[in-house]
Amino acid sequence: MSVAADWLGIVCILIGSLFVLLAGIGMIKFPDLFLRMAAISKAATLGIILIFGAAAIHFFDVIVTLKLFLIVVFLFITLPTASHLIARAGYWSGCKPYRNMVRDDWRGQSS
């Protein structure tokens, strides 16, 4: 493997780790379920994808890269659905949104 590929893998791991760290900080700092869910579903997913990309670069094998690609596709398919269902369940169970919420699209709808 070349030196450039090693550095690209290192950069992907560092940036991915930074996104995962930011998702963790967002989980602690954000005031309600909905903002916390957004931090986890977006930042952590991007971080995991970058770390998997670094693994694919490091191993440089077709089978490993295919497996990592399938995991990433699975994350892209399932994470938006899971985030939506968690938000909906939180809303209908009475979880209070942040006090500065401007728009409520689910008000007036049945669960």
N, C-alpha and C. Protein backbone atom coordinates (compact mmCIF):
# COMPACT_ATOMS: atom_id res chain seq x y z
N MET A 1 0.84 -1.17 0.00
CA MET A 1 0.00 0.00 0.00
C MET A 1 0.89 1.23 0.00
N SER A 2 0.42 2.27 -0.64
CA SER A 2 1.23 3.48 -0.78
C SER A 2 1.10 4.37 0.45
N VAL A 3 2.00 5.31 0.53
CA VAL A 3 2.00 6.26 1.64
C VAL A 3 0.77 7.17 1.56
N ALA A 4 0.37 7.52 0.34
CA ALA A 4 -0.81 8.38 0.17
C ALA A 4 -2.07 7.69 0.68
N ALA A 5 -2.19 6.39 0.42
CA ALA A 5 -3.35 5.65 0.91
C ALA A 5 -3.35 5.57 2.44
N ASP A 6 -2.15 5.41 3.02
CA ASP A 6 -2.06 5.41 4.49
C ASP A 6 -2.53 6.74 5.06
N TRP A 7 -2.07 7.83 4.48
CA TRP A 7 -2.47 9.15 4.98
C TRP A 7 -3.95 9.40 4.77
N LEU A 8 -4.50 8.96 3.65
CA LEU A 8 -5.93 9.12 3.41
C LEU A 8 -6.73 8.35 4.45
N GLY A 9 -6.29 7.15 4.79
CA GLY A 9 -6.96 6.37 5.82
C GLY A 9 -6.88 7.04 7.18
N ILE A 10 -5.72 7.60 7.50
CA ILE A 10 -5.56 8.30 8.78
C ILE A 10 -6.47 9.52 8.85
N VAL A 11 -6.54 10.27 7.76
CA VAL A 11 -7.40 11.46 7.73
C VAL A 11 -8.87 11.06 7.87
N CYS A 12 -9.28 9.98 7.18
CA CYS A 12 -10.67 9.52 7.31
C CYS A 12 -10.99 9.08 8.73
N ILE A 13 -10.08 8.40 9.39
CA ILE A 13 -10.31 7.97 10.76
C ILE A 13 -10.40 9.18 11.69
N LEU A 14 -9.52 10.15 11.52
CA LEU A 14 -9.54 11.33 12.38
C LEU A 14 -10.82 12.15 12.20
N ILE A 15 -11.22 12.37 10.96
CA ILE A 15 -12.44 13.13 10.72
C ILE A 15 -13.67 12.35 11.19
N GLY A 16 -13.68 11.04 10.94
CA GLY A 16 -14.79 10.22 11.42
C GLY A 16 -14.88 10.21 12.93
N SER A 17 -13.74 10.12 13.60
CA SER A 17 -13.73 10.16 15.06
C SER A 17 -14.21 11.51 15.58
N LEU A 18 -13.86 12.58 14.88
CA LEU A 18 -14.32 13.90 15.27
C LEU A 18 -15.84 14.00 15.18
N PHE A 19 -16.42 13.46 14.11
CA PHE A 19 -17.88 13.47 13.97
C PHE A 19 -18.56 12.65 15.06
N VAL A 20 -18.00 11.50 15.39
CA VAL A 20 -18.57 10.68 16.46
C VAL A 20 -18.46 11.42 17.79
N LEU A 21 -17.34 12.09 18.03
CA LEU A 21 -17.18 12.88 19.25
C LEU A 21 -18.21 14.02 19.31
N LEU A 22 -18.41 14.70 18.19
CA LEU A 22 -19.40 15.77 18.14
C LEU A 22 -20.81 15.25 18.38
N ALA A 23 -21.10 14.05 17.89
CA ALA A 23 -22.41 13.45 18.15
C ALA A 23 -22.57 13.17 19.64
N GLY A 24 -21.53 12.70 20.28
CA GLY A 24 -21.59 12.46 21.72
C GLY A 24 -21.76 13.74 22.51
N ILE A 25 -21.06 14.80 22.11
CA ILE A 25 -21.22 16.09 22.78
C ILE A 25 -22.63 16.63 22.56
N GLY A 26 -23.15 16.47 21.35
CA GLY A 26 -24.53 16.89 21.07
C GLY A 26 -25.53 16.12 21.89
N MET A 27 -25.25 14.86 22.14
CA MET A 27 -26.14 14.05 22.97
C MET A 27 -26.20 14.59 24.39
N ILE A 28 -25.11 15.13 24.86
CA ILE A 28 -25.07 15.67 26.23
C ILE A 28 -25.63 17.10 26.28
N LYS A 29 -25.30 17.92 25.30
CA LYS A 29 -25.59 19.35 25.37
C LYS A 29 -26.99 19.74 24.88
N PHE A 30 -27.55 19.03 23.92
CA PHE A 30 -28.83 19.47 23.37
C PHE A 30 -29.96 19.26 24.38
N PRO A 31 -30.97 20.16 24.36
CA PRO A 31 -31.95 20.18 25.44
C PRO A 31 -33.08 19.16 25.35
N ASP A 32 -33.41 18.64 24.18
CA ASP A 32 -34.56 17.73 24.12
C ASP A 32 -34.27 16.52 23.23
N LEU A 33 -35.21 15.59 23.25
CA LEU A 33 -35.07 14.33 22.51
C LEU A 33 -34.86 14.56 21.02
N PHE A 34 -35.57 15.49 20.45
CA PHE A 34 -35.56 15.67 19.00
C PHE A 34 -34.22 16.21 18.50
N LEU A 35 -33.64 17.16 19.22
CA LEU A 35 -32.33 17.67 18.83
C LEU A 35 -31.24 16.64 19.08
N ARG A 36 -31.36 15.90 20.17
CA ARG A 36 -30.38 14.84 20.45
C ARG A 36 -30.42 13.76 19.38
N MET A 37 -31.63 13.41 18.97
CA MET A 37 -31.78 12.40 17.93
C MET A 37 -31.16 12.86 16.61
N ALA A 38 -31.32 14.13 16.29
CA ALA A 38 -30.74 14.67 15.06
C ALA A 38 -29.21 14.62 15.13
N ALA A 39 -28.65 14.93 16.28
CA ALA A 39 -27.19 14.88 16.43
C ALA A 39 -26.68 13.47 16.24
N ILE A 40 -27.32 12.52 16.86
CA ILE A 40 -26.87 11.13 16.75
C ILE A 40 -27.07 10.61 15.33
N SER A 41 -28.23 10.84 14.75
CA SER A 41 -28.52 10.22 13.46
C SER A 41 -27.69 10.80 12.32
N LYS A 42 -27.28 12.04 12.42
CA LYS A 42 -26.52 12.64 11.32
C LYS A 42 -25.01 12.55 11.54
N ALA A 43 -24.55 13.08 12.67
CA ALA A 43 -23.10 13.16 12.89
C ALA A 43 -22.48 11.79 13.11
N ALA A 44 -23.12 10.95 13.89
CA ALA A 44 -22.54 9.63 14.15
C ALA A 44 -22.54 8.77 12.89
N THR A 45 -23.58 8.89 12.07
CA THR A 45 -23.61 8.11 10.83
C THR A 45 -22.48 8.53 9.90
N LEU A 46 -22.28 9.83 9.75
CA LEU A 46 -21.19 10.29 8.89
C LEU A 46 -19.84 9.83 9.44
N GLY A 47 -19.67 9.90 10.76
CA GLY A 47 -18.43 9.44 11.37
C GLY A 47 -18.18 7.96 11.15
N ILE A 48 -19.22 7.15 11.32
CA ILE A 48 -19.07 5.71 11.11
C ILE A 48 -18.74 5.40 9.66
N ILE A 49 -19.37 6.12 8.74
CA ILE A 49 -19.11 5.88 7.32
C ILE A 49 -17.66 6.25 6.97
N LEU A 50 -17.16 7.33 7.53
CA LEU A 50 -15.76 7.69 7.28
C LEU A 50 -14.80 6.67 7.87
N ILE A 51 -15.11 6.16 9.05
CA ILE A 51 -14.25 5.14 9.65
C ILE A 51 -14.29 3.85 8.84
N PHE A 52 -15.47 3.47 8.35
CA PHE A 52 -15.55 2.29 7.48
C PHE A 52 -14.80 2.51 6.17
N GLY A 53 -14.84 3.73 5.65
CA GLY A 53 -14.07 4.05 4.45
C GLY A 53 -12.58 3.90 4.69
N ALA A 54 -12.13 4.32 5.87
CA ALA A 54 -10.72 4.16 6.21
C ALA A 54 -10.35 2.68 6.32
N ALA A 55 -11.26 1.88 6.85
CA ALA A 55 -11.00 0.43 6.93
C ALA A 55 -10.91 -0.18 5.53
N ALA A 56 -11.78 0.26 4.63
CA ALA A 56 -11.73 -0.25 3.26
C ALA A 56 -10.43 0.15 2.58
N ILE A 57 -9.97 1.37 2.83
CA ILE A 57 -8.69 1.81 2.26
C ILE A 57 -7.54 1.01 2.84
N HIS A 58 -7.59 0.77 4.14
CA HIS A 58 -6.50 0.06 4.81
C HIS A 58 -6.38 -1.39 4.33
N PHE A 59 -7.49 -2.10 4.30
CA PHE A 59 -7.43 -3.53 3.94
C PHE A 59 -7.29 -3.74 2.44
N PHE A 60 -7.84 -2.84 1.63
CA PHE A 60 -7.69 -2.87 0.18
C PHE A 60 -7.97 -4.26 -0.40
N ASP A 61 -9.11 -4.81 0.02
CA ASP A 61 -9.54 -6.13 -0.41
C ASP A 61 -10.97 -6.02 -0.92
N VAL A 62 -11.28 -6.73 -1.98
CA VAL A 62 -12.60 -6.61 -2.59
C VAL A 62 -13.69 -7.10 -1.64
N ILE A 63 -13.48 -8.21 -0.98
CA ILE A 63 -14.49 -8.77 -0.08
C ILE A 63 -14.74 -7.85 1.11
N VAL A 64 -13.68 -7.36 1.71
CA VAL A 64 -13.82 -6.46 2.86
C VAL A 64 -14.52 -5.17 2.44
N THR A 65 -14.12 -4.63 1.30
CA THR A 65 -14.75 -3.40 0.81
C THR A 65 -16.22 -3.62 0.50
N LEU A 66 -16.55 -4.75 -0.08
CA LEU A 66 -17.96 -5.06 -0.38
C LEU A 66 -18.77 -5.18 0.91
N LYS A 67 -18.23 -5.84 1.91
CA LYS A 67 -18.94 -5.97 3.19
C LYS A 67 -19.15 -4.60 3.84
N LEU A 68 -18.11 -3.79 3.84
CA LEU A 68 -18.24 -2.45 4.42
C LEU A 68 -19.23 -1.60 3.64
N PHE A 69 -19.24 -1.72 2.32
CA PHE A 69 -20.20 -0.99 1.50
C PHE A 69 -21.63 -1.42 1.82
N LEU A 70 -21.85 -2.72 1.99
CA LEU A 70 -23.18 -3.20 2.33
C LEU A 70 -23.63 -2.71 3.70
N ILE A 71 -22.71 -2.62 4.65
CA ILE A 71 -23.05 -2.07 5.96
C ILE A 71 -23.46 -0.61 5.84
N VAL A 72 -22.72 0.15 5.04
CA VAL A 72 -23.04 1.57 4.84
C VAL A 72 -24.41 1.72 4.18
N VAL A 73 -24.70 0.91 3.18
CA VAL A 73 -26.02 0.95 2.53
C VAL A 73 -27.11 0.63 3.54
N PHE A 74 -26.87 -0.38 4.38
CA PHE A 74 -27.84 -0.74 5.42
C PHE A 74 -28.07 0.44 6.37
N LEU A 75 -27.02 1.15 6.75
CA LEU A 75 -27.18 2.32 7.61
C LEU A 75 -28.00 3.41 6.93
N PHE A 76 -27.72 3.66 5.66
CA PHE A 76 -28.48 4.68 4.94
C PHE A 76 -29.95 4.32 4.80
N ILE A 77 -30.27 3.04 4.73
CA ILE A 77 -31.66 2.62 4.59
C ILE A 77 -32.38 2.68 5.92
N THR A 78 -31.74 2.20 6.98
CA THR A 78 -32.44 2.04 8.25
C THR A 78 -32.42 3.27 9.15
N LEU A 79 -31.38 4.06 9.10
CA LEU A 79 -31.27 5.16 10.06
C LEU A 79 -32.33 6.24 9.92
N PRO A 80 -32.68 6.71 8.72
CA PRO A 80 -33.76 7.71 8.65
C PRO A 80 -35.10 7.18 9.17
N THR A 81 -35.39 5.92 8.88
CA THR A 81 -36.63 5.32 9.36
C THR A 81 -36.63 5.20 10.88
N ALA A 82 -35.53 4.74 11.44
CA ALA A 82 -35.43 4.60 12.88
C ALA A 82 -35.52 5.96 13.57
N SER A 83 -34.86 6.97 13.03
CA SER A 83 -34.91 8.30 13.62
C SER A 83 -36.33 8.86 13.60
N HIS A 84 -37.02 8.66 12.50
CA HIS A 84 -38.39 9.14 12.40
C HIS A 84 -39.29 8.44 13.41
N LEU A 85 -39.14 7.13 13.53
CA LEU A 85 -39.98 6.39 14.47
C LEU A 85 -39.69 6.75 15.92
N ILE A 86 -38.43 6.99 16.25
CA ILE A 86 -38.09 7.41 17.61
C ILE A 86 -38.68 8.78 17.91
N ALA A 87 -38.58 9.70 16.96
CA ALA A 87 -39.14 11.04 17.16
C ALA A 87 -40.65 10.97 17.30
N ARG A 88 -41.28 10.18 16.48
CA ARG A 88 -42.74 10.06 16.54
C ARG A 88 -43.19 9.44 17.85
N ALA A 89 -42.49 8.40 18.28
CA ALA A 89 -42.85 7.76 19.56
C ALA A 89 -42.62 8.73 20.72
N GLY A 90 -41.54 9.49 20.66
CA GLY A 90 -41.30 10.47 21.70
C GLY A 90 -42.35 11.56 21.73
N TYR A 91 -42.77 12.02 20.57
CA TYR A 91 -43.79 13.06 20.49
C TYR A 91 -45.11 12.57 21.05
N TRP A 92 -45.54 11.38 20.64
CA TRP A 92 -46.84 10.88 21.07
C TRP A 92 -46.84 10.38 22.51
N SER A 93 -45.67 10.11 23.07
CA SER A 93 -45.64 9.71 24.48
C SER A 93 -45.56 10.92 25.41
N GLY A 94 -45.54 12.12 24.85
CA GLY A 94 -45.61 13.33 25.66
C GLY A 94 -44.27 13.98 25.93
N CYS A 95 -43.25 13.60 25.22
CA CYS A 95 -41.93 14.23 25.39
C CYS A 95 -42.03 15.68 24.93
N LYS A 96 -41.66 16.59 25.80
CA LYS A 96 -41.80 18.02 25.51
C LYS A 96 -40.66 18.49 24.60
N PRO A 97 -41.02 19.15 23.49
CA PRO A 97 -39.97 19.70 22.62
C PRO A 97 -39.37 20.96 23.24
N TYR A 98 -38.28 21.39 22.65
CA TYR A 98 -37.59 22.60 23.10
C TYR A 98 -38.55 23.77 23.07
N ARG A 99 -38.45 24.67 24.04
CA ARG A 99 -39.42 25.75 24.20
C ARG A 99 -39.44 26.73 23.03
N ASN A 100 -38.39 26.82 22.24
CA ASN A 100 -38.35 27.75 21.11
C ASN A 100 -38.78 27.10 19.80
N MET A 101 -39.45 25.94 19.86
CA MET A 101 -39.91 25.29 18.65
C MET A 101 -40.95 26.18 17.95
N VAL A 102 -40.76 26.40 16.66
CA VAL A 102 -41.61 27.32 15.92
C VAL A 102 -42.75 26.58 15.23
N ARG A 103 -42.48 25.39 14.75
CA ARG A 103 -43.44 24.69 13.90
C ARG A 103 -43.70 23.31 14.46
N ASP A 104 -44.97 22.90 14.47
CA ASP A 104 -45.36 21.59 14.96
C ASP A 104 -46.21 20.91 13.90
N ASP A 105 -45.60 20.09 13.08
CA ASP A 105 -46.30 19.44 11.97
C ASP A 105 -47.20 18.30 12.43
N TRP A 106 -46.96 17.76 13.61
CA TRP A 106 -47.75 16.61 14.07
C TRP A 106 -48.94 16.99 14.91
N ARG A 107 -49.08 18.26 15.28
CA ARG A 107 -50.22 18.68 16.09
C ARG A 107 -51.51 18.49 15.31
N GLY A 108 -52.49 17.91 15.95
CA GLY A 108 -53.79 17.70 15.31
C GLY A 108 -53.90 16.38 14.58
N GLN A 109 -52.81 15.63 14.47
CA GLN A 109 -52.87 14.32 13.83
C GLN A 109 -53.03 13.25 14.89
N SER A 110 -53.61 12.15 14.50
CA SER A 110 -53.74 11.05 15.45
C SER A 110 -52.47 10.20 15.42
N SER A 111 -52.24 9.50 16.48
CA SER A 111 -51.04 8.65 16.56
C SER A 111 -51.28 7.41 15.76
